[in-house]
Amino acid sequence: MRKLLITLASIFTFLFLVVVGIQIWSSVTFEYNCEAYLKRAADASTVEMAKTELSKAIKYSEDNNLTSGIVSIFLKNPKNDVGFWYNNMKQAYIELDTLPANSSSLEKTNVLMKLRESLTDQGKDNVNVTFPSGISIYPHNVAFFWLTLILLILCVGFWLWQYLFDNY
């Protein structure tokens, strides 16, 4: 019985670590392929640079179907609206794209400042890119939540059961 409990506990621990690893991998992938480009677009000093960086983030969003929906699992919080986030990026790009080439330096600066305000939020110590929390695993947020929770319960349960079986 002890070997069976250790085997089951090990299997569920491994599966839990795989699921957490996938979530970490997804987060890093989103950070490199979208969030970093949004930050670069917000930091751009020219309209052309901002357009280039913003277009990369928009392409990633479209390629990964991050264009509509809510990332929340239980409560539908407006800050987790993927559609608003995506449309905000698209509108910012359109505004950059429709800016006339002969615009004054002041107009270009104003558009870049507006872009920065749209894409980022000022934190306590730094500037943070604005995006819905949990978007890196979207649209599988619900599946990952339940899978992680169930595997964690099974993992802890079998290790605890094995420990109790061993000591009593």
Protein backbone atom coordinates (compact mmCIF):
# COMPACT_ATOMS: atom_id res chain seq x y z
CA MET A 1 0.00 0.00 0.00
CA ARG A 2 2.86 2.35 0.85
CA LYS A 3 4.42 1.95 -2.62
CA LEU A 4 1.09 2.64 -4.28
CA LEU A 5 0.59 5.83 -2.26
CA ILE A 6 4.11 7.06 -3.02
CA THR A 7 3.63 6.26 -6.72
CA LEU A 8 0.31 8.10 -6.88
CA ALA A 9 1.68 11.05 -4.92
CA SER A 10 4.68 11.22 -7.26
CA ILE A 11 2.53 11.04 -10.38
CA PHE A 12 0.20 13.81 -9.21
CA THR A 13 3.16 15.93 -8.09
CA PHE A 14 4.74 15.51 -11.53
CA LEU A 15 1.47 16.40 -13.29
CA PHE A 16 1.01 19.44 -11.05
CA LEU A 17 4.53 20.63 -11.87
CA VAL A 18 3.90 20.11 -15.60
CA VAL A 19 0.70 22.22 -15.45
CA VAL A 20 2.46 24.97 -13.49
CA GLY A 21 5.37 24.79 -15.94
CA ILE A 22 3.00 25.26 -18.88
CA GLN A 23 1.49 28.30 -17.18
CA ILE A 24 4.95 29.78 -16.56
CA TRP A 25 5.97 29.06 -20.16
CA SER A 26 2.80 30.76 -21.45
CA SER A 27 3.46 33.79 -19.27
CA VAL A 28 7.04 34.12 -20.50
CA THR A 29 5.93 33.67 -24.11
CA PHE A 30 3.32 36.42 -23.73
CA GLU A 31 5.86 38.67 -22.03
CA TYR A 32 8.39 38.28 -24.86
CA ASN A 33 5.97 38.35 -27.79
CA CYS A 34 3.41 40.93 -26.74
CA GLU A 35 4.05 42.73 -23.45
CA ALA A 36 7.62 43.69 -24.41
CA TYR A 37 6.42 45.19 -27.70
CA LEU A 38 3.70 47.15 -25.93
CA LYS A 39 6.31 48.56 -23.57
CA ARG A 40 8.58 49.45 -26.49
CA ALA A 41 5.67 51.12 -28.31
CA ALA A 42 4.90 53.15 -25.20
CA ASP A 43 8.56 54.14 -24.88
CA ALA A 44 9.05 54.96 -28.57
CA SER A 45 10.36 58.42 -29.39
CA THR A 46 8.95 58.51 -32.92
CA VAL A 47 5.57 57.66 -34.40
CA GLU A 48 7.17 55.21 -36.83
CA MET A 49 8.90 53.28 -34.03
CA ALA A 50 5.67 53.18 -32.02
CA LYS A 51 3.70 51.88 -35.03
CA THR A 52 6.27 49.14 -35.68
CA GLU A 53 6.29 47.90 -32.09
CA LEU A 54 2.53 48.19 -31.62
CA SER A 55 1.88 46.26 -34.84
CA LYS A 56 3.94 43.33 -33.47
CA ALA A 57 1.83 43.21 -30.30
CA ILE A 58 -1.39 43.41 -32.32
CA LYS A 59 -0.22 40.63 -34.65
CA TYR A 60 0.59 38.39 -31.67
CA SER A 61 -2.84 39.10 -30.18
CA GLU A 62 -4.60 38.25 -33.43
CA ASP A 63 -2.47 35.15 -34.07
CA ASN A 64 -3.29 33.85 -30.58
CA ASN A 65 -6.99 34.80 -30.65
CA LEU A 66 -6.61 37.41 -27.91
CA THR A 67 -9.23 39.72 -29.39
CA SER A 68 -12.38 39.21 -27.31
CA GLY A 69 -13.70 37.65 -24.13
CA ILE A 70 -13.06 37.90 -20.41
CA VAL A 71 -10.13 36.26 -18.62
CA SER A 72 -11.94 36.19 -15.27
CA ILE A 73 -13.09 32.83 -13.98
CA PHE A 74 -15.72 33.76 -11.40
CA LEU A 75 -16.26 37.52 -11.29
CA LYS A 76 -16.49 39.41 -14.58
CA ASN A 77 -14.26 42.36 -13.74
CA PRO A 78 -14.05 45.04 -16.49
CA LYS A 79 -10.26 45.22 -16.13
CA ASN A 80 -10.11 41.64 -17.43
CA ASP A 81 -11.94 42.41 -20.69
CA VAL A 82 -9.76 41.15 -23.54
CA GLY A 83 -11.92 42.86 -26.17
CA PHE A 84 -11.45 46.30 -24.60
CA TRP A 85 -7.70 45.76 -24.32
CA TYR A 86 -7.40 44.59 -27.93
CA ASN A 87 -9.63 47.37 -29.32
CA ASN A 88 -7.64 49.93 -27.34
CA MET A 89 -4.44 48.73 -29.04
CA LYS A 90 -6.09 48.75 -32.47
CA GLN A 91 -7.46 52.27 -32.03
CA ALA A 92 -4.08 53.51 -30.81
CA TYR A 93 -2.48 52.05 -33.94
CA ILE A 94 -5.11 53.65 -36.18
CA GLU A 95 -4.44 57.01 -34.53
CA LEU A 96 -0.70 56.60 -35.15
CA ASP A 97 -1.29 55.45 -38.71
CA THR A 98 -3.65 58.30 -39.64
CA LEU A 99 -1.39 61.01 -38.28
CA PRO A 100 -0.38 63.11 -41.31
CA ALA A 101 3.29 62.95 -42.25
CA ASN A 102 3.52 66.74 -42.15
CA SER A 103 2.23 66.93 -38.56
CA SER A 104 4.01 69.28 -36.24
CA SER A 105 6.41 68.01 -33.63
CA LEU A 106 3.89 69.00 -30.95
CA GLU A 107 1.12 66.90 -32.57
CA LYS A 108 3.43 63.88 -32.80
CA THR A 109 4.49 64.28 -29.20
CA ASN A 110 0.87 64.54 -28.07
CA VAL A 111 -0.05 61.34 -29.94
CA LEU A 112 2.94 59.51 -28.43
CA MET A 113 2.01 60.73 -24.94
CA LYS A 114 -1.57 59.58 -25.45
CA LEU A 115 -0.27 56.19 -26.63
CA ARG A 116 1.90 55.86 -23.54
CA GLU A 117 -1.05 56.68 -21.29
CA SER A 118 -3.21 54.12 -23.13
CA LEU A 119 -0.71 51.27 -22.95
CA THR A 120 0.77 51.75 -19.49
CA ASP A 121 -0.13 52.54 -15.90
CA GLN A 122 2.09 54.28 -13.40
CA GLY A 123 2.86 51.93 -10.50
CA LYS A 124 4.38 52.85 -7.16
CA ASP A 125 7.94 52.32 -8.34
CA ASN A 126 7.71 51.89 -12.11
CA VAL A 127 5.59 51.95 -15.24
CA ASN A 128 3.55 48.80 -15.94
CA VAL A 129 2.14 47.67 -19.26
CA THR A 130 -1.65 47.41 -19.12
CA PHE A 131 -3.18 44.05 -20.05
CA PRO A 132 -5.77 41.72 -18.55
CA SER A 133 -4.39 39.57 -15.76
CA GLY A 134 -4.25 35.92 -16.84
CA ILE A 135 -4.25 36.67 -20.56
CA SER A 136 -1.18 34.49 -21.17
CA ILE A 137 -3.24 31.29 -20.73
CA TYR A 138 -6.44 32.67 -22.23
CA PRO A 139 -8.85 31.12 -23.39
CA HIS A 140 -7.94 28.14 -21.20
CA ASN A 141 -8.11 30.00 -17.86
CA VAL A 142 -10.98 27.91 -16.47
CA ALA A 143 -9.36 24.61 -17.46
CA PHE A 144 -6.01 25.62 -15.95
CA PHE A 145 -7.67 26.83 -12.76
CA TRP A 146 -9.55 23.58 -12.16
CA LEU A 147 -6.70 21.35 -13.31
CA THR A 148 -4.22 23.13 -11.04
CA LEU A 149 -6.59 23.04 -8.08
CA ILE A 150 -7.50 19.35 -8.50
CA LEU A 151 -3.89 18.28 -9.01
CA LEU A 152 -2.77 20.29 -5.99
CA ILE A 153 -5.45 18.69 -3.81
CA LEU A 154 -4.59 15.20 -5.09
CA CYS A 155 -0.87 15.80 -4.71
CA VAL A 156 -1.12 17.09 -1.14
CA GLY A 157 -3.75 14.50 -0.29
CA PHE A 158 -1.72 11.51 -1.42
CA TRP A 159 1.49 12.75 0.23
CA LEU A 160 -0.43 13.39 3.45
CA TRP A 161 -2.14 10.00 3.23
CA GLN A 162 1.24 8.31 2.66
CA TYR A 163 2.72 10.16 5.63
CA LEU A 164 -0.19 9.19 7.89
CA PHE A 165 -0.13 5.60 6.62
CA ASP A 166 3.59 5.42 7.38
CA ASN A 167 3.33 6.88 10.89
CA TYR A 168 0.23 5.14 12.22
